[in-house]
Amino acid sequence: MPTVYSVMGYTIFFWSNENDEPIYVHVCKGAPKENATKIWIEAEPRLEHNKSRISHKVLNKIMRWLAVNRAIIIEQWRDHFNQ
């Protein structure tokens, strides 16, 4: 399970068995958890669900960060899954 980045105390990651879905990341405070917030990232960052209950203010900042770094994260996803 690669940890992509840590932003404002939140871990941005994807699980190693997710290559059958479009590109997305999970976000949660601290160590990766199964019930983390899910954000689709392939076309443009879009919230799927906020299971880790990140505040709207922080979530908006993370979404902006993901938008700026989207190409790098997509490259890491593709490298990890050999796509």
Protein backbone atom coordinates (compact mmCIF):
# COMPACT_ATOMS: atom_id res chain seq x y z
CA MET A 1 0.00 0.00 0.00
CA PRO A 2 1.83 3.08 -1.19
CA THR A 3 1.53 6.26 0.80
CA VAL A 4 1.50 8.91 -1.87
CA TYR A 5 1.85 11.98 0.36
CA SER A 6 1.19 13.46 3.76
CA VAL A 7 -0.59 16.81 3.64
CA MET A 8 -1.58 18.83 6.72
CA GLY A 9 -1.36 15.68 8.86
CA TYR A 10 -3.53 13.65 6.45
CA THR A 11 -2.22 10.61 4.63
CA ILE A 12 -3.02 10.32 0.92
CA PHE A 13 -2.71 6.73 -0.28
CA PHE A 14 -4.09 3.89 -2.39
CA TRP A 15 -4.27 0.20 -1.64
CA SER A 16 -2.23 -2.18 -3.78
CA ASN A 17 -5.29 -4.13 -5.00
CA GLU A 18 -7.23 -1.21 -6.54
CA ASN A 19 -6.13 -1.42 -10.15
CA ASP A 20 -9.55 -2.50 -11.47
CA GLU A 21 -11.13 0.92 -10.78
CA PRO A 22 -10.48 4.39 -12.17
CA ILE A 23 -7.67 6.28 -10.46
CA TYR A 24 -8.48 7.50 -6.97
CA VAL A 25 -6.90 8.05 -3.59
CA HIS A 26 -7.92 7.58 0.02
CA VAL A 27 -7.35 10.30 2.60
CA CYS A 28 -7.36 10.00 6.39
CA LYS A 29 -5.74 11.45 9.47
CA GLY A 30 -2.64 9.50 10.48
CA ALA A 31 -2.11 5.90 9.41
CA PRO A 32 -4.11 4.46 6.47
CA LYS A 33 -7.51 3.05 7.45
CA GLU A 34 -10.15 1.09 5.57
CA ASN A 35 -12.85 3.71 6.15
CA ALA A 36 -10.83 6.60 4.70
CA THR A 37 -12.32 9.34 2.53
CA LYS A 38 -12.28 8.42 -1.17
CA ILE A 39 -11.51 10.94 -3.92
CA TRP A 40 -11.59 10.14 -7.64
CA ILE A 41 -8.66 11.82 -9.32
CA GLU A 42 -8.36 10.62 -12.91
CA ALA A 43 -10.26 13.44 -14.65
CA GLU A 44 -10.45 16.02 -11.87
CA PRO A 45 -10.52 15.52 -8.10
CA ARG A 46 -14.09 14.59 -7.11
CA LEU A 47 -15.27 13.42 -3.73
CA GLU A 48 -16.76 9.91 -3.71
CA HIS A 49 -17.39 9.80 0.05
CA ASN A 50 -16.08 11.35 3.25
CA LYS A 51 -16.10 8.37 5.62
CA SER A 52 -13.21 9.75 7.65
CA ARG A 53 -15.24 12.92 8.26
CA ILE A 54 -12.67 15.46 7.21
CA SER A 55 -13.96 19.00 7.80
CA HIS A 56 -15.12 20.86 4.68
CA LYS A 57 -12.45 23.51 5.19
CA VAL A 58 -9.62 20.96 5.30
CA LEU A 59 -11.16 18.80 2.59
CA ASN A 60 -11.31 21.79 0.24
CA LYS A 61 -7.60 22.45 0.83
CA ILE A 62 -6.76 18.79 0.18
CA MET A 63 -8.88 18.81 -2.99
CA ARG A 64 -6.99 21.87 -4.26
CA TRP A 65 -3.69 20.17 -3.41
CA LEU A 66 -4.79 17.05 -5.31
CA ALA A 67 -5.77 19.17 -8.33
CA VAL A 68 -2.31 20.78 -8.43
CA ASN A 69 -0.49 17.44 -7.99
CA ARG A 70 -2.91 15.29 -10.01
CA ALA A 71 -0.48 14.41 -12.83
CA ILE A 72 2.20 13.22 -10.39
CA ILE A 73 -0.27 11.06 -8.46
CA ILE A 74 -1.63 9.54 -11.69
CA GLU A 75 1.93 8.72 -12.76
CA GLN A 76 2.61 7.04 -9.40
CA TRP A 77 -0.63 5.03 -9.71
CA ARG A 78 0.28 3.86 -13.22
CA ASP A 79 3.83 3.00 -12.19
CA HIS A 80 2.58 1.01 -9.19
CA PHE A 81 0.01 -0.93 -11.23
CA ASN A 82 2.25 -1.25 -14.34
CA GLN A 83 -0.28 0.52 -16.55
